[in-house]
């Protein structure tokens, strides 16, 4: 698996998430976006909530178009580990909406499947970036 593919998936996914939250409900776009995740996807959100793939999709369905002013930036992408089957990345995510900013460090595991890679695991940790 290419590290470049994993980073590209990360960057594209962040753009897609921002678009899903910014724009009115787009079920077809969400359906296509969800193909970027493993059926075994797991996530630990900033709140500490554990989510599986179905819960993640429910969260996106509930929040489509809910944050028209949301912007998401990522920086400091670091490769922690790379094997033929997966890439483990760490990055900082900065979210800005309604005059407030939220910062988090995220650790993401991307798996390689045939000709593409998918999100397998994500753990988000809030940081205070005063």
Protein backbone atom coordinates (compact mmCIF):
# COMPACT_ATOMS: atom_id res chain seq x y z
CA UNK A 1 0.00 0.00 0.00
CA UNK A 2 1.22 3.42 -0.84
CA UNK A 3 1.62 6.02 1.89
CA UNK A 4 0.65 8.55 -0.78
CA UNK A 5 -2.69 6.76 -1.29
CA UNK A 6 -3.42 6.82 2.44
CA UNK A 7 -2.63 10.54 2.73
CA UNK A 8 -4.70 11.27 -0.35
CA UNK A 9 -7.64 9.35 1.17
CA UNK A 10 -7.26 11.36 4.38
CA UNK A 11 -7.21 14.71 2.58
CA UNK A 12 -10.10 13.84 0.26
CA UNK A 13 -12.18 12.50 3.15
CA UNK A 14 -11.74 15.70 5.15
CA UNK A 15 -12.93 17.73 2.14
CA UNK A 16 -15.92 15.40 1.75
CA UNK A 17 -16.81 15.65 5.44
CA UNK A 18 -16.73 19.44 5.30
CA UNK A 19 -18.92 19.37 2.19
CA UNK A 20 -21.43 16.97 3.78
CA UNK A 21 -21.73 19.20 6.85
CA UNK A 22 -21.85 22.45 4.80
CA UNK A 23 -24.38 21.58 2.13
CA UNK A 24 -28.01 20.42 2.24
CA UNK A 25 -28.65 16.68 2.50
CA UNK A 26 -27.00 14.73 -0.31
CA UNK A 27 -27.80 11.04 0.29
CA UNK A 28 -26.05 9.94 -2.92
CA UNK A 29 -22.87 11.76 -1.94
CA UNK A 30 -22.97 10.23 1.54
CA UNK A 31 -23.51 6.77 0.09
CA UNK A 32 -20.45 7.15 -2.13
CA UNK A 33 -18.39 8.61 0.73
CA UNK A 34 -19.21 5.68 3.02
CA UNK A 35 -17.46 3.35 0.56
CA UNK A 36 -14.19 4.85 1.86
CA UNK A 37 -14.62 2.91 5.11
CA UNK A 38 -14.00 -0.71 6.00
CA UNK A 39 -17.06 -2.72 7.02
CA UNK A 40 -15.11 -3.25 10.28
CA UNK A 41 -14.48 0.48 10.82
CA UNK A 42 -14.26 1.67 14.43
CA UNK A 43 -13.82 5.14 15.84
CA UNK A 44 -13.25 6.79 19.19
CA UNK A 45 -14.65 10.33 18.89
CA UNK A 46 -13.38 13.40 20.75
CA UNK A 47 -16.16 12.85 23.31
CA UNK A 48 -14.87 9.34 24.03
CA UNK A 49 -17.83 7.76 22.27
CA UNK A 50 -17.04 4.55 20.40
CA UNK A 51 -18.67 4.23 16.97
CA UNK A 52 -18.90 1.54 14.33
CA UNK A 53 -19.59 2.07 10.64
CA UNK A 54 -23.39 2.15 11.01
CA UNK A 55 -23.21 4.68 13.83
CA UNK A 56 -20.83 6.84 11.79
CA UNK A 57 -23.24 6.84 8.86
CA UNK A 58 -26.13 7.71 11.20
CA UNK A 59 -24.09 10.64 12.57
CA UNK A 60 -23.45 11.94 9.04
CA UNK A 61 -27.13 11.53 8.09
CA UNK A 62 -28.18 13.47 11.17
CA UNK A 63 -25.72 16.33 10.56
CA UNK A 64 -25.79 16.78 6.77
CA UNK A 65 -26.09 20.49 6.07
CA UNK A 66 -26.17 21.35 9.78
CA UNK A 67 -22.94 23.39 9.80
CA UNK A 68 -22.83 25.68 6.73
CA UNK A 69 -19.92 27.71 8.11
CA UNK A 70 -17.73 24.76 9.15
CA UNK A 71 -14.17 24.70 7.86
CA UNK A 72 -11.77 21.85 8.54
CA UNK A 73 -8.01 22.05 8.12
CA UNK A 74 -5.47 19.30 8.61
CA UNK A 75 -1.77 19.68 9.26
CA UNK A 76 1.26 17.87 10.57
CA UNK A 77 0.47 14.55 8.88
CA UNK A 78 2.96 11.98 10.19
CA UNK A 79 3.38 8.37 9.16
CA UNK A 80 3.64 6.30 12.34
CA UNK A 81 3.80 2.90 10.69
CA UNK A 82 3.61 1.44 7.21
CA UNK A 83 3.23 -2.22 6.19
CA UNK A 84 2.15 -3.75 2.88
CA UNK A 85 -1.45 -3.90 4.19
CA UNK A 86 -1.87 -0.73 6.25
CA UNK A 87 -0.69 2.77 7.02
CA UNK A 88 -1.01 4.36 10.45
CA UNK A 89 -1.16 8.17 10.33
CA UNK A 90 -1.28 10.91 12.94
CA UNK A 91 -2.47 14.41 12.08
CA UNK A 92 -3.87 17.56 13.63
CA UNK A 93 -7.36 18.60 12.67
CA UNK A 94 -8.58 22.16 13.18
CA UNK A 95 -12.31 22.82 12.96
CA UNK A 96 -13.78 26.32 12.83
CA UNK A 97 -17.51 27.09 13.05
CA UNK A 98 -19.73 29.78 14.50
CA UNK A 99 -16.73 31.77 15.68
CA UNK A 100 -15.30 28.86 17.67
CA UNK A 101 -12.29 26.69 16.96
CA UNK A 102 -11.76 23.10 18.04
CA UNK A 103 -8.46 21.25 17.73
CA UNK A 104 -7.73 17.56 17.86
CA UNK A 105 -4.97 15.08 17.24
CA UNK A 106 -6.18 12.07 15.31
CA UNK A 107 -4.64 8.66 14.70
CA UNK A 108 -5.99 6.88 11.64
CA UNK A 109 -5.38 3.40 10.31
CA UNK A 110 -5.91 2.95 6.57
CA UNK A 111 -6.16 -0.56 5.08
CA UNK A 112 -5.33 -1.52 1.54
CA UNK A 113 -8.02 -3.51 -0.30
CA UNK A 114 -7.30 -4.70 -3.84
CA UNK A 115 -6.84 -1.39 -5.71
CA UNK A 116 -7.86 1.13 -3.07
CA UNK A 117 -7.46 1.95 0.59
CA UNK A 118 -10.17 2.47 3.19
CA UNK A 119 -10.46 3.86 6.71
CA UNK A 120 -10.22 1.05 9.26
CA UNK A 121 -9.79 2.92 12.56
CA UNK A 122 -9.83 6.50 13.84
CA UNK A 123 -9.09 7.82 17.32
CA UNK A 124 -9.58 11.52 18.01
CA UNK A 125 -8.14 13.32 21.03
CA UNK A 126 -9.04 16.94 21.81
CA UNK A 127 -6.19 19.36 22.37
CA UNK A 128 -6.14 22.84 23.82
CA UNK A 129 -4.39 25.05 21.29
CA UNK A 130 -4.72 28.41 23.05
